[in-house]
Amino acid sequence: MTPRQRLRRTRVWLVLFLVGLVLSGITAFPLVSEVRLLHDTLHSWSVGDRLPALVAWIDRVTTGVTETGERYPFMAYGTDWLAFAHLVIAVAFLGPLRDPVRNIWTLQWGMVACVGIVPLALIAGPVRGIPGWWTVIDISFGVFGIVPLLFAYGHARKLAQEAAVVQPAGAFALGTLAATVAEKPMTH
């Protein structure tokens, strides 16, 4: 695989991760509307017969976010900050998108964050009264998030190794190869 192909694959994995981050951020803003839509959809499809625990949980969540929103609308400010945090984290990954070798630490940080989802969900879920099966869904965000980061990280490490081989002895410029490849127009 050429350095240009490797850089392109790194970027594809990063774009996939970025899309996930941005979507999870944007969807945290209209939380009440989304929960109501999910509630109405589950009831109109009669899912309660097949998945009663899911429907009961979504009913409870719908009641909770609706009543909280009506009585204490300022509480939604917390999910606004959650949404904003996802978008800010996405911005942090623009660095590796531009130069994955120089910003490889961001990929490592992202993988650590994905792994950190597991203990958070396993500890905070039961403390907050979240059903165990829903905790598994929360954990899946870390599992699905780490996959593109692992691929991007593997490609970035190979790019770094290739750049180190290309550099004269004693030279330190890990990002040089990626930057050079990034500056040249891609042809298909």
N, C-alpha and C. Protein backbone atom coordinates (compact mmCIF):
# COMPACT_ATOMS: atom_id res chain seq x y z
N MET A 1 0.85 -1.18 0.00
CA MET A 1 0.00 0.00 0.00
C MET A 1 0.90 1.24 0.00
N THR A 2 0.58 2.19 -0.85
CA THR A 2 1.38 3.41 -0.91
C THR A 2 1.01 4.33 0.26
N PRO A 3 1.90 5.26 0.59
CA PRO A 3 1.58 6.21 1.66
C PRO A 3 0.30 7.00 1.37
N ARG A 4 0.08 7.33 0.12
CA ARG A 4 -1.13 8.07 -0.24
C ARG A 4 -2.38 7.23 0.02
N GLN A 5 -2.34 5.96 -0.34
CA GLN A 5 -3.48 5.07 -0.08
C GLN A 5 -3.70 4.90 1.42
N ARG A 6 -2.60 4.76 2.15
CA ARG A 6 -2.70 4.61 3.61
C ARG A 6 -3.29 5.86 4.24
N LEU A 7 -2.87 7.02 3.78
CA LEU A 7 -3.41 8.27 4.30
C LEU A 7 -4.90 8.38 3.98
N ARG A 8 -5.28 7.99 2.78
CA ARG A 8 -6.69 8.03 2.39
C ARG A 8 -7.52 7.10 3.28
N ARG A 9 -7.02 5.90 3.55
CA ARG A 9 -7.75 4.97 4.42
C ARG A 9 -7.86 5.50 5.84
N THR A 10 -6.79 6.11 6.31
CA THR A 10 -6.82 6.72 7.64
C THR A 10 -7.93 7.76 7.70
N ARG A 11 -8.00 8.57 6.69
CA ARG A 11 -9.01 9.63 6.66
C ARG A 11 -10.42 9.08 6.54
N VAL A 12 -10.60 8.01 5.81
CA VAL A 12 -11.94 7.40 5.70
C VAL A 12 -12.39 6.94 7.08
N TRP A 13 -11.52 6.27 7.83
CA TRP A 13 -11.89 5.81 9.17
C TRP A 13 -12.17 6.99 10.10
N LEU A 14 -11.38 8.04 9.97
CA LEU A 14 -11.60 9.21 10.81
C LEU A 14 -12.91 9.92 10.47
N VAL A 15 -13.23 10.00 9.20
CA VAL A 15 -14.50 10.63 8.80
C VAL A 15 -15.67 9.82 9.36
N LEU A 16 -15.57 8.50 9.31
CA LEU A 16 -16.62 7.65 9.87
C LEU A 16 -16.79 7.94 11.37
N PHE A 17 -15.68 8.05 12.08
CA PHE A 17 -15.74 8.36 13.51
C PHE A 17 -16.32 9.75 13.74
N LEU A 18 -15.89 10.73 12.94
CA LEU A 18 -16.39 12.09 13.07
C LEU A 18 -17.90 12.17 12.82
N VAL A 19 -18.37 11.47 11.84
CA VAL A 19 -19.81 11.47 11.54
C VAL A 19 -20.58 10.94 12.76
N GLY A 20 -20.07 9.86 13.36
CA GLY A 20 -20.71 9.32 14.56
C GLY A 20 -20.74 10.31 15.70
N LEU A 21 -19.62 11.00 15.92
CA LEU A 21 -19.56 12.00 16.99
C LEU A 21 -20.52 13.15 16.74
N VAL A 22 -20.52 13.66 15.53
CA VAL A 22 -21.38 14.80 15.21
C VAL A 22 -22.85 14.40 15.33
N LEU A 23 -23.21 13.23 14.80
CA LEU A 23 -24.60 12.79 14.90
C LEU A 23 -25.03 12.58 16.35
N SER A 24 -24.16 11.99 17.16
CA SER A 24 -24.53 11.80 18.56
C SER A 24 -24.61 13.13 19.28
N GLY A 25 -23.84 14.11 18.85
CA GLY A 25 -23.94 15.44 19.45
C GLY A 25 -25.21 16.16 19.04
N ILE A 26 -25.47 16.18 17.76
CA ILE A 26 -26.64 16.91 17.26
C ILE A 26 -27.94 16.31 17.82
N THR A 27 -27.98 14.99 17.93
CA THR A 27 -29.21 14.35 18.40
C THR A 27 -29.43 14.52 19.89
N ALA A 28 -28.46 15.04 20.62
CA ALA A 28 -28.68 15.29 22.05
C ALA A 28 -29.44 16.59 22.28
N PHE A 29 -29.49 17.49 21.30
CA PHE A 29 -30.23 18.75 21.47
C PHE A 29 -31.74 18.53 21.56
N PRO A 30 -32.36 17.85 20.60
CA PRO A 30 -33.83 17.70 20.66
C PRO A 30 -34.26 16.43 21.42
N LEU A 31 -33.70 16.21 22.57
CA LEU A 31 -33.91 14.97 23.31
C LEU A 31 -35.39 14.68 23.58
N VAL A 32 -36.14 15.66 24.06
CA VAL A 32 -37.55 15.43 24.38
C VAL A 32 -38.33 15.01 23.13
N SER A 33 -38.12 15.70 22.04
CA SER A 33 -38.82 15.36 20.79
C SER A 33 -38.45 13.96 20.32
N GLU A 34 -37.19 13.62 20.41
CA GLU A 34 -36.75 12.30 19.95
C GLU A 34 -37.33 11.19 20.82
N VAL A 35 -37.34 11.40 22.12
CA VAL A 35 -37.89 10.38 23.02
C VAL A 35 -39.39 10.22 22.77
N ARG A 36 -40.09 11.31 22.57
CA ARG A 36 -41.53 11.22 22.26
C ARG A 36 -41.75 10.47 20.94
N LEU A 37 -40.94 10.76 19.94
CA LEU A 37 -41.06 10.08 18.65
C LEU A 37 -40.81 8.58 18.81
N LEU A 38 -39.77 8.22 19.56
CA LEU A 38 -39.49 6.81 19.81
C LEU A 38 -40.65 6.16 20.55
N HIS A 39 -41.16 6.84 21.56
CA HIS A 39 -42.30 6.34 22.34
C HIS A 39 -43.50 6.09 21.43
N ASP A 40 -43.86 7.08 20.63
CA ASP A 40 -45.01 6.96 19.74
C ASP A 40 -44.80 5.85 18.71
N THR A 41 -43.60 5.74 18.18
CA THR A 41 -43.30 4.71 17.18
C THR A 41 -43.43 3.31 17.79
N LEU A 42 -42.85 3.12 18.97
CA LEU A 42 -42.93 1.80 19.61
C LEU A 42 -44.38 1.41 19.88
N HIS A 43 -45.18 2.38 20.30
CA HIS A 43 -46.59 2.07 20.58
C HIS A 43 -47.39 1.85 19.29
N SER A 44 -47.12 2.61 18.25
CA SER A 44 -47.87 2.43 17.00
C SER A 44 -47.50 1.11 16.31
N TRP A 45 -46.31 0.61 16.55
CA TRP A 45 -45.89 -0.66 15.97
C TRP A 45 -46.20 -1.84 16.89
N SER A 46 -46.81 -1.58 18.02
CA SER A 46 -47.17 -2.63 19.00
C SER A 46 -45.96 -3.47 19.40
N VAL A 47 -44.87 -2.81 19.66
CA VAL A 47 -43.62 -3.49 20.05
C VAL A 47 -43.73 -4.05 21.47
N GLY A 48 -44.65 -3.52 22.27
CA GLY A 48 -44.79 -3.95 23.65
C GLY A 48 -45.07 -5.42 23.82
N ASP A 49 -45.71 -6.04 22.85
CA ASP A 49 -45.98 -7.47 22.92
C ASP A 49 -44.69 -8.29 22.82
N ARG A 50 -43.77 -7.81 22.00
CA ARG A 50 -42.51 -8.55 21.78
C ARG A 50 -41.41 -8.11 22.72
N LEU A 51 -41.34 -6.81 23.04
CA LEU A 51 -40.27 -6.27 23.88
C LEU A 51 -40.87 -5.42 25.00
N PRO A 52 -41.55 -6.05 25.94
CA PRO A 52 -42.22 -5.26 26.98
C PRO A 52 -41.26 -4.45 27.85
N ALA A 53 -40.07 -4.98 28.12
CA ALA A 53 -39.12 -4.24 28.95
C ALA A 53 -38.66 -2.97 28.25
N LEU A 54 -38.44 -3.04 26.95
CA LEU A 54 -38.02 -1.86 26.19
C LEU A 54 -39.11 -0.80 26.21
N VAL A 55 -40.33 -1.21 25.94
CA VAL A 55 -41.45 -0.25 25.90
C VAL A 55 -41.67 0.36 27.28
N ALA A 56 -41.60 -0.45 28.32
CA ALA A 56 -41.78 0.08 29.68
C ALA A 56 -40.69 1.10 30.01
N TRP A 57 -39.45 0.81 29.60
CA TRP A 57 -38.34 1.73 29.86
C TRP A 57 -38.53 3.03 29.09
N ILE A 58 -38.87 2.94 27.81
CA ILE A 58 -39.07 4.15 27.01
C ILE A 58 -40.27 4.94 27.53
N ASP A 59 -41.31 4.27 28.01
CA ASP A 59 -42.43 4.98 28.64
C ASP A 59 -41.94 5.77 29.84
N ARG A 60 -41.12 5.14 30.66
CA ARG A 60 -40.60 5.81 31.86
C ARG A 60 -39.71 6.99 31.49
N VAL A 61 -38.83 6.78 30.52
CA VAL A 61 -37.94 7.86 30.07
C VAL A 61 -38.76 9.01 29.49
N THR A 62 -39.76 8.69 28.70
CA THR A 62 -40.61 9.72 28.11
C THR A 62 -41.28 10.56 29.19
N THR A 63 -41.83 9.88 30.19
CA THR A 63 -42.45 10.59 31.30
C THR A 63 -41.42 11.47 32.01
N GLY A 64 -40.24 10.91 32.26
CA GLY A 64 -39.20 11.66 32.97
C GLY A 64 -38.74 12.91 32.23
N VAL A 65 -38.42 12.76 30.95
CA VAL A 65 -37.91 13.94 30.23
C VAL A 65 -39.03 14.94 29.95
N THR A 66 -40.25 14.45 29.74
CA THR A 66 -41.37 15.37 29.49
C THR A 66 -41.70 16.18 30.74
N GLU A 67 -41.88 15.49 31.86
CA GLU A 67 -42.21 16.20 33.10
C GLU A 67 -41.09 17.12 33.55
N THR A 68 -39.86 16.65 33.41
CA THR A 68 -38.73 17.50 33.78
C THR A 68 -38.67 18.72 32.87
N GLY A 69 -38.89 18.50 31.58
CA GLY A 69 -38.87 19.62 30.64
C GLY A 69 -39.95 20.65 30.91
N GLU A 70 -41.12 20.18 31.31
CA GLU A 70 -42.22 21.10 31.60
C GLU A 70 -42.02 21.84 32.92
N ARG A 71 -41.56 21.13 33.93
CA ARG A 71 -41.42 21.72 35.27
C ARG A 71 -40.07 22.42 35.47
N TYR A 72 -39.03 21.85 34.87
CA TYR A 72 -37.68 22.38 35.08
C TYR A 72 -36.95 22.44 33.73
N PRO A 73 -37.34 23.34 32.86
CA PRO A 73 -36.75 23.37 31.51
C PRO A 73 -35.24 23.62 31.51
N PHE A 74 -34.72 24.22 32.55
CA PHE A 74 -33.29 24.48 32.61
C PHE A 74 -32.46 23.19 32.69
N MET A 75 -33.08 22.07 33.06
CA MET A 75 -32.35 20.80 33.13
C MET A 75 -31.88 20.36 31.75
N ALA A 76 -32.59 20.76 30.70
CA ALA A 76 -32.18 20.41 29.34
C ALA A 76 -30.85 21.05 28.97
N TYR A 77 -30.48 22.06 29.72
CA TYR A 77 -29.20 22.72 29.49
C TYR A 77 -28.04 21.71 29.65
N GLY A 78 -28.24 20.72 30.52
CA GLY A 78 -27.22 19.68 30.69
C GLY A 78 -27.02 18.87 29.42
N THR A 79 -28.11 18.51 28.74
CA THR A 79 -27.96 17.77 27.49
C THR A 79 -27.46 18.69 26.36
N ASP A 80 -27.73 19.99 26.48
CA ASP A 80 -27.14 20.92 25.51
C ASP A 80 -25.62 20.90 25.62
N TRP A 81 -25.13 20.87 26.85
CA TRP A 81 -23.68 20.81 27.07
C TRP A 81 -23.11 19.47 26.61
N LEU A 82 -23.88 18.40 26.80
CA LEU A 82 -23.46 17.08 26.30
C LEU A 82 -23.31 17.13 24.79
N ALA A 83 -24.30 17.72 24.12
CA ALA A 83 -24.26 17.84 22.67
C ALA A 83 -23.05 18.67 22.24
N PHE A 84 -22.86 19.80 22.91
CA PHE A 84 -21.73 20.67 22.60
C PHE A 84 -20.41 19.94 22.78
N ALA A 85 -20.30 19.15 23.84
CA ALA A 85 -19.06 18.41 24.09
C ALA A 85 -18.76 17.44 22.95
N HIS A 86 -19.77 16.77 22.44
CA HIS A 86 -19.55 15.87 21.31
C HIS A 86 -19.03 16.63 20.09
N LEU A 87 -19.59 17.79 19.85
CA LEU A 87 -19.16 18.59 18.70
C LEU A 87 -17.74 19.11 18.88
N VAL A 88 -17.39 19.50 20.10
CA VAL A 88 -16.03 19.97 20.37
C VAL A 88 -15.03 18.83 20.23
N ILE A 89 -15.39 17.66 20.73
CA ILE A 89 -14.51 16.50 20.57
C ILE A 89 -14.32 16.20 19.08
N ALA A 90 -15.37 16.33 18.30
CA ALA A 90 -15.25 16.12 16.85
C ALA A 90 -14.25 17.09 16.25
N VAL A 91 -14.27 18.33 16.70
CA VAL A 91 -13.31 19.33 16.21
C VAL A 91 -11.88 18.90 16.52
N ALA A 92 -11.67 18.29 17.68
CA ALA A 92 -10.32 17.83 18.04
C ALA A 92 -9.79 16.81 17.04
N PHE A 93 -10.68 16.07 16.40
CA PHE A 93 -10.24 15.05 15.45
C PHE A 93 -10.00 15.60 14.05
N LEU A 94 -10.17 16.90 13.88
CA LEU A 94 -9.79 17.51 12.60
C LEU A 94 -8.27 17.53 12.45
N GLY A 95 -7.56 17.61 13.57
CA GLY A 95 -6.09 17.55 13.53
C GLY A 95 -5.59 16.25 12.92
N PRO A 96 -6.02 15.08 13.44
CA PRO A 96 -5.60 13.83 12.82
C PRO A 96 -6.12 13.66 11.39
N LEU A 97 -7.25 14.26 11.09
CA LEU A 97 -7.75 14.19 9.73
C LEU A 97 -6.78 14.88 8.78
N ARG A 98 -6.23 15.98 9.23
CA ARG A 98 -5.26 16.74 8.42
C ARG A 98 -3.90 16.08 8.40
N ASP A 99 -3.41 15.69 9.58
CA ASP A 99 -2.08 15.08 9.69
C ASP A 99 -2.13 14.01 10.78
N PRO A 100 -2.47 12.78 10.40
CA PRO A 100 -2.64 11.74 11.40
C PRO A 100 -1.35 11.36 12.13
N VAL A 101 -0.23 11.53 11.51
CA VAL A 101 1.03 11.18 12.16
C VAL A 101 1.36 12.18 13.26
N ARG A 102 1.31 13.44 12.93
CA ARG A 102 1.63 14.47 13.91
C ARG A 102 0.62 14.49 15.06
N ASN A 103 -0.62 14.11 14.78
CA ASN A 103 -1.69 14.15 15.78
C ASN A 103 -2.12 12.76 16.24
N ILE A 104 -1.20 11.81 16.20
CA ILE A 104 -1.52 10.44 16.58
C ILE A 104 -1.96 10.35 18.03
N TRP A 105 -1.49 11.27 18.86
CA TRP A 105 -1.89 11.29 20.27
C TRP A 105 -3.40 11.48 20.42
N THR A 106 -4.02 12.20 19.49
CA THR A 106 -5.47 12.41 19.55
C THR A 106 -6.19 11.09 19.32
N LEU A 107 -5.65 10.28 18.42
CA LEU A 107 -6.25 8.96 18.19
C LEU A 107 -6.12 8.10 19.45
N GLN A 108 -4.96 8.15 20.09
CA GLN A 108 -4.76 7.40 21.33
C GLN A 108 -5.73 7.89 22.41
N TRP A 109 -5.87 9.19 22.54
CA TRP A 109 -6.78 9.78 23.52
C TRP A 109 -8.22 9.33 23.24
N GLY A 110 -8.61 9.32 21.98
CA GLY A 110 -9.96 8.89 21.60
C GLY A 110 -10.21 7.43 21.96
N MET A 111 -9.19 6.58 21.75
CA MET A 111 -9.34 5.17 22.09
C MET A 111 -9.47 4.99 23.60
N VAL A 112 -8.70 5.76 24.36
CA VAL A 112 -8.82 5.70 25.83
C VAL A 112 -10.22 6.13 26.26
N ALA A 113 -10.75 7.18 25.63
CA ALA A 113 -12.11 7.64 25.96
C ALA A 113 -13.14 6.56 25.64
N CYS A 114 -12.98 5.87 24.51
CA CYS A 114 -13.91 4.81 24.16
C CYS A 114 -13.87 3.67 25.18
N VAL A 115 -12.67 3.32 25.62
CA VAL A 115 -12.54 2.27 26.63
C VAL A 115 -13.15 2.75 27.95
N GLY A 116 -13.01 4.04 28.26
CA GLY A 116 -13.54 4.60 29.49
C GLY A 116 -15.05 4.57 29.58
N ILE A 117 -15.72 4.44 28.45
CA ILE A 117 -17.18 4.35 28.45
C ILE A 117 -17.64 3.10 29.22
N VAL A 118 -16.88 2.03 29.11
CA VAL A 118 -17.28 0.76 29.71
C VAL A 118 -17.39 0.87 31.24
N PRO A 119 -16.33 1.28 31.96
CA PRO A 119 -16.51 1.37 33.42
C PRO A 119 -17.52 2.45 33.83
N LEU A 120 -17.58 3.54 33.08
CA LEU A 120 -18.57 4.56 33.41
C LEU A 120 -19.98 3.99 33.36
N ALA A 121 -20.30 3.30 32.27
CA ALA A 121 -21.64 2.72 32.12
C ALA A 121 -21.90 1.65 33.17
N LEU A 122 -20.90 0.82 33.45
CA LEU A 122 -21.08 -0.27 34.42
C LEU A 122 -21.23 0.25 35.85
N ILE A 123 -20.63 1.39 36.15
CA ILE A 123 -20.73 1.96 37.50
C ILE A 123 -21.94 2.90 37.60
N ALA A 124 -22.02 3.87 36.69
CA ALA A 124 -23.06 4.89 36.79
C ALA A 124 -24.44 4.34 36.42
N GLY A 125 -24.49 3.37 35.51
CA GLY A 125 -25.78 2.82 35.09
C GLY A 125 -26.59 2.29 36.27
N PRO A 126 -26.05 1.36 37.03
CA PRO A 126 -26.81 0.85 38.19
C PRO A 126 -27.09 1.92 39.24
N VAL A 127 -26.14 2.82 39.45
CA VAL A 127 -26.36 3.89 40.44
C VAL A 127 -27.53 4.77 40.03
N ARG A 128 -27.70 5.01 38.74
CA ARG A 128 -28.77 5.87 38.23
C ARG A 128 -30.05 5.11 37.89
N GLY A 129 -30.07 3.81 38.14
CA GLY A 129 -31.27 3.02 37.88
C GLY A 129 -31.48 2.66 36.42
N ILE A 130 -30.41 2.60 35.66
CA ILE A 130 -30.50 2.24 34.24
C ILE A 130 -30.57 0.71 34.14
N PRO A 131 -31.49 0.16 33.35
CA PRO A 131 -31.55 -1.30 33.20
C PRO A 131 -30.24 -1.85 32.62
N GLY A 132 -29.89 -3.05 33.04
CA GLY A 132 -28.63 -3.66 32.57
C GLY A 132 -28.55 -3.79 31.06
N TRP A 133 -29.66 -4.15 30.42
CA TRP A 133 -29.65 -4.30 28.96
C TRP A 133 -29.44 -2.95 28.27
N TRP A 134 -29.90 -1.85 28.90
CA TRP A 134 -29.66 -0.52 28.32
C TRP A 134 -28.19 -0.12 28.51
N THR A 135 -27.59 -0.54 29.61
CA THR A 135 -26.18 -0.28 29.86
C THR A 135 -25.33 -0.90 28.74
N VAL A 136 -25.74 -2.07 28.28
CA VAL A 136 -25.03 -2.71 27.16
C VAL A 136 -25.11 -1.83 25.92
N ILE A 137 -26.26 -1.22 25.69
CA ILE A 137 -26.41 -0.31 24.55
C ILE A 137 -25.45 0.88 24.72
N ASP A 138 -25.38 1.43 25.93
CA ASP A 138 -24.46 2.54 26.18
C ASP A 138 -23.01 2.13 25.95
N ILE A 139 -22.65 0.94 26.39
CA ILE A 139 -21.29 0.43 26.19
C ILE A 139 -20.98 0.29 24.71
N SER A 140 -21.99 -0.03 23.91
CA SER A 140 -21.76 -0.21 22.47
C SER A 140 -21.22 1.04 21.80
N PHE A 141 -21.51 2.22 22.37
CA PHE A 141 -20.95 3.45 21.79
C PHE A 141 -19.42 3.43 21.85
N GLY A 142 -18.89 2.94 22.94
CA GLY A 142 -17.43 2.82 23.05
C GLY A 142 -16.87 1.75 22.13
N VAL A 143 -17.59 0.64 22.03
CA VAL A 143 -17.15 -0.47 21.18
C VAL A 143 -17.16 -0.04 19.72
N PHE A 144 -18.28 0.55 19.29
CA PHE A 144 -18.36 0.98 17.89
C PHE A 144 -17.45 2.17 17.61
N GLY A 145 -17.22 3.01 18.61
CA GLY A 145 -16.35 4.17 18.42
C GLY A 145 -14.89 3.80 18.29
N ILE A 146 -14.46 2.77 19.02
CA ILE A 146 -13.04 2.43 19.00
C ILE A 146 -12.63 1.75 17.70
N VAL A 147 -13.57 1.10 17.02
CA VAL A 147 -13.22 0.35 15.80
C VAL A 147 -12.60 1.25 14.73
N PRO A 148 -13.25 2.34 14.31
CA PRO A 148 -12.59 3.18 13.29
C PRO A 148 -11.30 3.82 13.81
N LEU A 149 -11.26 4.11 15.11
CA LEU A 149 -10.04 4.69 15.67
C LEU A 149 -8.88 3.70 15.64
N LEU A 150 -9.16 2.43 15.90
CA LEU A 150 -8.10 1.42 15.83
C LEU A 150 -7.54 1.30 14.42
N PHE A 151 -8.43 1.30 13.43
CA PHE A 151 -7.95 1.23 12.05
C PHE A 151 -7.17 2.48 11.68
N ALA A 152 -7.68 3.65 12.04
CA ALA A 152 -6.97 4.90 11.74
C ALA A 152 -5.62 4.93 12.44
N TYR A 153 -5.60 4.49 13.68
CA TYR A 153 -4.34 4.46 14.45
C TYR A 153 -3.31 3.52 13.81
N GLY A 154 -3.77 2.34 13.39
CA GLY A 154 -2.85 1.40 12.73
C GLY A 154 -2.25 1.99 11.46
N HIS A 155 -3.08 2.65 10.67
CA HIS A 155 -2.57 3.28 9.44
C HIS A 155 -1.63 4.44 9.77
N ALA A 156 -1.98 5.22 10.79
CA ALA A 156 -1.13 6.35 11.17
C ALA A 156 0.23 5.87 11.66
N ARG A 157 0.25 4.78 12.40
CA ARG A 157 1.54 4.22 12.87
C ARG A 157 2.40 3.77 11.70
N LYS A 158 1.76 3.15 10.71
CA LYS A 158 2.52 2.71 9.52
C LYS A 158 3.05 3.93 8.76
N LEU A 159 2.23 4.97 8.66
CA LEU A 159 2.70 6.21 8.02
C LEU A 159 3.90 6.78 8.77
N ALA A 160 3.85 6.74 10.09
CA ALA A 160 4.96 7.24 10.91
C ALA A 160 6.22 6.41 10.67
N GLN A 161 6.07 5.10 10.60
CA GLN A 161 7.21 4.23 10.35
C GLN A 161 7.80 4.49 8.97
N GLU A 162 6.94 4.66 7.98
CA GLU A 162 7.41 4.94 6.62
C GLU A 162 8.11 6.29 6.58
N ALA A 163 7.59 7.27 7.31
CA ALA A 163 8.22 8.59 7.34
C ALA A 163 9.58 8.52 8.01
N ALA A 164 9.70 7.71 9.05
CA ALA A 164 10.98 7.58 9.76
C ALA A 164 12.02 6.94 8.86
N VAL A 165 11.62 6.02 8.00
CA VAL A 165 12.54 5.37 7.08
C VAL A 165 13.00 6.35 6.01
N VAL A 166 12.09 7.21 5.55
CA VAL A 166 12.39 8.16 4.49
C VAL A 166 13.33 9.27 4.98
N GLN A 167 13.23 9.64 6.26
CA GLN A 167 14.02 10.75 6.80
C GLN A 167 15.49 10.37 6.91
N PRO A 168 16.41 11.35 6.72
CA PRO A 168 17.83 11.07 6.94
C PRO A 168 18.07 10.73 8.41
N ALA A 169 19.15 10.01 8.67
CA ALA A 169 19.48 9.60 10.04
C ALA A 169 19.53 10.82 10.95
N GLY A 170 18.89 10.72 12.10
CA GLY A 170 18.91 11.81 13.08
C GLY A 170 17.86 12.87 12.85
N ALA A 171 17.16 12.84 11.72
CA ALA A 171 16.15 13.86 11.46
C ALA A 171 14.87 13.50 12.20
N PHE A 172 14.19 14.53 12.68
CA PHE A 172 12.93 14.31 13.39
C PHE A 172 11.83 15.06 12.67
N ALA A 173 11.02 14.31 11.92
CA ALA A 173 9.91 14.94 11.21
C ALA A 173 8.86 13.88 10.91
N LEU A 174 8.23 13.38 11.95
CA LEU A 174 7.24 12.32 11.76
C LEU A 174 6.11 12.73 10.85
N GLY A 175 5.71 13.99 10.90
CA GLY A 175 4.57 14.44 10.10
C GLY A 175 4.92 14.81 8.68
N THR A 176 6.17 14.78 8.31
CA THR A 176 6.60 15.25 7.00
C THR A 176 5.94 14.46 5.87
N LEU A 177 5.98 13.13 5.97
CA LEU A 177 5.41 12.31 4.90
C LEU A 177 3.92 12.58 4.73
N ALA A 178 3.19 12.56 5.84
CA ALA A 178 1.74 12.80 5.76
C ALA A 178 1.45 14.19 5.24
N ALA A 179 2.23 15.18 5.68
CA ALA A 179 2.01 16.55 5.22
C ALA A 179 2.30 16.66 3.73
N THR A 180 3.36 16.00 3.27
CA THR A 180 3.72 16.04 1.85
C THR A 180 2.63 15.39 1.01
N VAL A 181 2.17 14.22 1.46
CA VAL A 181 1.12 13.53 0.73
C VAL A 181 -0.15 14.36 0.72
N ALA A 182 -0.45 15.01 1.86
CA ALA A 182 -1.68 15.81 1.97
C ALA A 182 -1.66 17.02 1.05
N GLU A 183 -0.48 17.57 0.78
CA GLU A 183 -0.37 18.76 -0.05
C GLU A 183 -0.54 18.45 -1.53
N LYS A 184 -0.22 17.24 -1.93
CA LYS A 184 -0.32 16.87 -3.35
C LYS A 184 -1.77 16.54 -3.67
N PRO A 185 -2.26 17.03 -4.80
CA PRO A 185 -3.66 16.72 -5.15
C PRO A 185 -3.80 15.22 -5.43
N MET A 186 -4.93 14.68 -4.96
CA MET A 186 -5.20 13.26 -5.20
C MET A 186 -5.84 13.08 -6.57
N THR A 187 -5.36 12.10 -7.30
CA THR A 187 -5.96 11.77 -8.59
C THR A 187 -6.58 10.41 -8.49
N HIS A 188 -7.64 10.22 -9.20
CA HIS A 188 -8.36 8.94 -9.12
C HIS A 188 -8.18 8.16 -10.37
